[in-house]
């Protein structure tokens, strides 16, 4: 009974460690990138936009309304530019970390660490690319996908091709095995002497 409890506790520890890596890896990259690329102050922009909308509703002169509309457009452009810089930082932080995590996860033989790094690497790549996907160019999208895909194919080929079952050729399958037809001959001195005696007798 104690062995079963100990085995269950060991499996539970591995599951907890694995899920911790899976969850904390993308979160650490996401919030760590805020240290050098802080997010825009959405509250400030929202307050300014609300004030401009109130001003538009209170304006009676068309020229004044047009000026307020121009200020709103300028405010949105500034916000879009800050968001672009912010999510670009997410991409360039998440892509290399997730890419390295995929490689390490494929190389590490400890299941609780290797598998969790693979899944956490995927989650990190998805979070970084998805947040900047609409602002990425077509070549950047295609290039990022091809780099990850070719790396995974290469890792799978070089690491796990030795574990694939060997296929026999048709000649080997049709050829009868000699060890099943002919009896094995012992190479001991006594058996050799008995064989010579039978032949000379």
Protein backbone atom coordinates (compact mmCIF):
# COMPACT_ATOMS: atom_id res chain seq x y z
CA UNK A 1 0.00 0.00 0.00
CA UNK A 2 2.82 2.38 0.87
CA UNK A 3 4.49 1.69 -2.49
CA UNK A 4 1.29 2.59 -4.35
CA UNK A 5 0.97 5.82 -2.36
CA UNK A 6 4.60 6.68 -3.04
CA UNK A 7 4.20 5.99 -6.76
CA UNK A 8 1.08 8.15 -6.95
CA UNK A 9 2.83 10.99 -5.11
CA UNK A 10 5.77 10.75 -7.52
CA UNK A 11 3.45 10.98 -10.55
CA UNK A 12 1.55 13.85 -8.96
CA UNK A 13 4.77 15.79 -8.41
CA UNK A 14 5.71 15.38 -12.07
CA UNK A 15 2.27 16.58 -13.19
CA UNK A 16 2.45 19.64 -10.94
CA UNK A 17 5.94 20.51 -12.17
CA UNK A 18 4.89 20.05 -15.79
CA UNK A 19 1.81 22.24 -15.49
CA UNK A 20 3.81 24.87 -13.64
CA UNK A 21 6.29 25.12 -16.51
CA UNK A 22 3.50 25.15 -19.12
CA UNK A 23 1.65 28.01 -17.41
CA UNK A 24 4.52 30.09 -16.07
CA UNK A 25 6.74 30.08 -19.17
CA UNK A 26 4.43 32.15 -21.45
CA UNK A 27 3.31 34.34 -18.55
CA UNK A 28 6.91 35.11 -17.59
CA UNK A 29 7.75 36.10 -21.16
CA UNK A 30 4.58 38.18 -21.55
CA UNK A 31 5.02 40.22 -18.37
CA UNK A 32 8.80 40.23 -18.57
CA UNK A 33 8.65 42.05 -21.90
CA UNK A 34 6.73 44.84 -20.15
CA UNK A 35 9.96 45.78 -18.41
CA UNK A 36 11.48 47.19 -21.61
CA UNK A 37 8.28 47.74 -23.64
CA UNK A 38 5.62 49.05 -21.24
CA UNK A 39 2.00 48.97 -22.43
CA UNK A 40 0.17 52.10 -23.53
CA UNK A 41 -1.85 53.99 -20.95
CA UNK A 42 -5.25 52.88 -22.22
CA UNK A 43 -7.03 54.67 -19.37
CA UNK A 44 -5.49 57.99 -20.34
CA UNK A 45 -6.39 57.55 -24.00
CA UNK A 46 -9.93 56.48 -23.10
CA UNK A 47 -10.41 59.58 -20.93
CA UNK A 48 -9.15 61.91 -23.66
CA UNK A 49 -11.34 60.27 -26.27
CA UNK A 50 -14.41 60.60 -24.05
CA UNK A 51 -13.71 64.32 -23.54
CA UNK A 52 -13.34 64.87 -27.28
CA UNK A 53 -16.64 63.11 -27.92
CA UNK A 54 -18.37 65.35 -25.37
CA UNK A 55 -16.82 68.38 -27.06
CA UNK A 56 -18.13 67.26 -30.45
CA UNK A 57 -21.65 66.92 -29.12
CA UNK A 58 -21.49 70.41 -27.63
CA UNK A 59 -20.05 72.12 -30.71
CA UNK A 60 -22.43 74.18 -32.85
CA UNK A 61 -20.01 75.32 -35.52
CA UNK A 62 -18.95 72.82 -38.19
CA UNK A 63 -15.41 74.15 -38.30
CA UNK A 64 -15.01 73.51 -34.58
CA UNK A 65 -16.39 69.99 -35.01
CA UNK A 66 -13.92 69.27 -37.78
CA UNK A 67 -11.07 70.41 -35.58
CA UNK A 68 -12.24 68.11 -32.80
CA UNK A 69 -12.56 65.20 -35.23
CA UNK A 70 -8.98 65.83 -36.35
CA UNK A 71 -7.84 65.70 -32.72
CA UNK A 72 -9.67 62.39 -32.29
CA UNK A 73 -7.97 60.94 -35.37
CA UNK A 74 -4.57 62.08 -34.12
CA UNK A 75 -5.27 60.52 -30.73
CA UNK A 76 -6.18 57.19 -32.34
CA UNK A 77 -3.03 57.24 -34.48
CA UNK A 78 -0.86 57.79 -31.43
CA UNK A 79 -2.58 54.94 -29.62
CA UNK A 80 -2.22 52.60 -32.60
CA UNK A 81 1.48 53.40 -32.88
CA UNK A 82 2.07 52.75 -29.17
CA UNK A 83 0.14 49.47 -29.42
CA UNK A 84 2.18 48.44 -32.45
CA UNK A 85 5.46 49.02 -30.59
CA UNK A 86 4.12 47.25 -27.52
CA UNK A 87 2.98 44.08 -29.33
CA UNK A 88 6.09 44.07 -31.48
CA UNK A 89 8.07 43.74 -28.27
CA UNK A 90 5.87 40.77 -27.31
CA UNK A 91 6.68 39.07 -30.61
CA UNK A 92 10.46 39.50 -30.41
CA UNK A 93 10.50 38.37 -26.80
CA UNK A 94 8.18 35.36 -27.21
CA UNK A 95 9.52 33.99 -30.49
CA UNK A 96 13.14 33.27 -29.46
CA UNK A 97 12.17 32.04 -25.99
CA UNK A 98 9.45 29.77 -27.36
CA UNK A 99 11.74 28.53 -30.12
CA UNK A 100 14.51 27.63 -27.67
CA UNK A 101 11.97 25.98 -25.36
CA UNK A 102 10.81 23.75 -28.24
CA UNK A 103 14.37 22.62 -28.97
CA UNK A 104 15.18 21.98 -25.30
CA UNK A 105 11.89 20.15 -24.81
CA UNK A 106 12.72 17.81 -27.68
CA UNK A 107 16.25 17.15 -26.37
CA UNK A 108 15.55 16.72 -22.65
CA UNK A 109 14.76 13.10 -21.76
CA UNK A 110 12.98 13.82 -18.47
CA UNK A 111 9.28 13.59 -19.45
CA UNK A 112 7.91 16.09 -16.93
CA UNK A 113 10.39 18.74 -18.10
CA UNK A 114 10.73 17.90 -21.79
CA UNK A 115 7.01 17.63 -22.57
CA UNK A 116 6.15 20.71 -20.52
CA UNK A 117 8.84 22.74 -22.32
CA UNK A 118 7.42 21.63 -25.67
CA UNK A 119 3.87 22.65 -24.72
CA UNK A 120 5.04 25.83 -22.97
CA UNK A 121 7.15 26.72 -26.00
CA UNK A 122 4.14 26.33 -28.26
CA UNK A 123 2.04 28.50 -25.95
CA UNK A 124 4.74 31.17 -25.84
CA UNK A 125 5.07 31.24 -29.62
CA UNK A 126 1.30 31.45 -30.10
CA UNK A 127 0.87 34.25 -27.55
CA UNK A 128 3.65 36.34 -29.08
CA UNK A 129 2.71 35.81 -32.73
CA UNK A 130 -1.03 36.11 -32.20
CA UNK A 131 -0.77 39.46 -30.42
CA UNK A 132 1.19 40.94 -33.37
CA UNK A 133 -0.29 38.83 -36.19
CA UNK A 134 -2.48 41.57 -37.73
CA UNK A 135 0.48 43.95 -37.87
CA UNK A 136 2.97 41.44 -39.29
CA UNK A 137 3.85 41.46 -42.97
CA UNK A 138 3.17 38.43 -45.13
CA UNK A 139 6.87 37.53 -45.36
CA UNK A 140 7.33 37.77 -41.60
CA UNK A 141 4.34 35.50 -41.01
CA UNK A 142 5.52 32.98 -43.57
CA UNK A 143 9.11 33.06 -42.35
CA UNK A 144 8.22 32.54 -38.70
CA UNK A 145 6.01 29.56 -39.55
CA UNK A 146 8.60 27.96 -41.83
CA UNK A 147 11.42 28.34 -39.28
CA UNK A 148 9.44 26.58 -36.55
CA UNK A 149 8.08 23.89 -38.89
CA UNK A 150 11.46 22.95 -40.39
CA UNK A 151 13.08 22.89 -36.96
CA UNK A 152 10.46 20.51 -35.60
CA UNK A 153 10.75 18.23 -38.64
CA UNK A 154 14.55 18.15 -38.30
CA UNK A 155 14.38 17.41 -34.58
CA UNK A 156 11.84 14.65 -35.07
CA UNK A 157 13.90 13.11 -37.86
CA UNK A 158 17.30 13.10 -36.16
CA UNK A 159 16.10 12.25 -32.66
CA UNK A 160 13.47 9.60 -33.26
CA UNK A 161 14.33 7.91 -36.56
CA UNK A 162 16.46 5.35 -34.67
CA UNK A 163 13.37 4.30 -32.69
CA UNK A 164 11.39 3.52 -35.86
CA UNK A 165 10.96 -0.23 -36.52
CA UNK A 166 13.38 -1.57 -39.11
CA UNK A 167 11.71 -2.85 -42.29
CA UNK A 168 12.98 -6.09 -43.84
CA UNK A 169 13.52 -6.37 -47.57
CA UNK A 170 11.34 -8.81 -49.61
CA UNK A 171 14.35 -11.12 -50.14
CA UNK A 172 14.88 -11.37 -46.40
CA UNK A 173 11.21 -12.13 -45.83
CA UNK A 174 11.11 -14.93 -48.45
CA UNK A 175 14.46 -16.49 -47.52
CA UNK A 176 14.07 -19.37 -44.97
CA UNK A 177 16.03 -19.08 -41.79
CA UNK A 178 18.86 -21.60 -41.55
CA UNK A 179 18.68 -21.83 -37.79
CA UNK A 180 15.18 -23.28 -38.04
CA UNK A 181 16.14 -25.93 -40.67
CA UNK A 182 19.61 -27.05 -39.64
CA UNK A 183 20.32 -28.09 -36.06
CA UNK A 184 22.89 -26.10 -34.23
CA UNK A 185 26.28 -27.77 -34.07
CA UNK A 186 28.12 -27.45 -30.82
CA UNK A 187 31.76 -26.49 -30.95
CA UNK A 188 32.73 -28.26 -27.74
CA UNK A 189 35.56 -30.87 -27.89
CA UNK A 190 33.31 -33.76 -26.80
CA UNK A 191 30.77 -33.15 -29.55
CA UNK A 192 33.52 -32.84 -32.16
CA UNK A 193 35.03 -36.15 -31.05
CA UNK A 194 31.68 -37.93 -31.14
CA UNK A 195 31.09 -36.66 -34.65
CA UNK A 196 34.51 -37.92 -35.89
CA UNK A 197 33.95 -41.34 -34.27
CA UNK A 198 30.61 -41.77 -36.03
CA UNK A 199 32.14 -40.83 -39.39
CA UNK A 200 35.17 -43.22 -39.07
CA UNK A 201 33.12 -46.04 -37.57
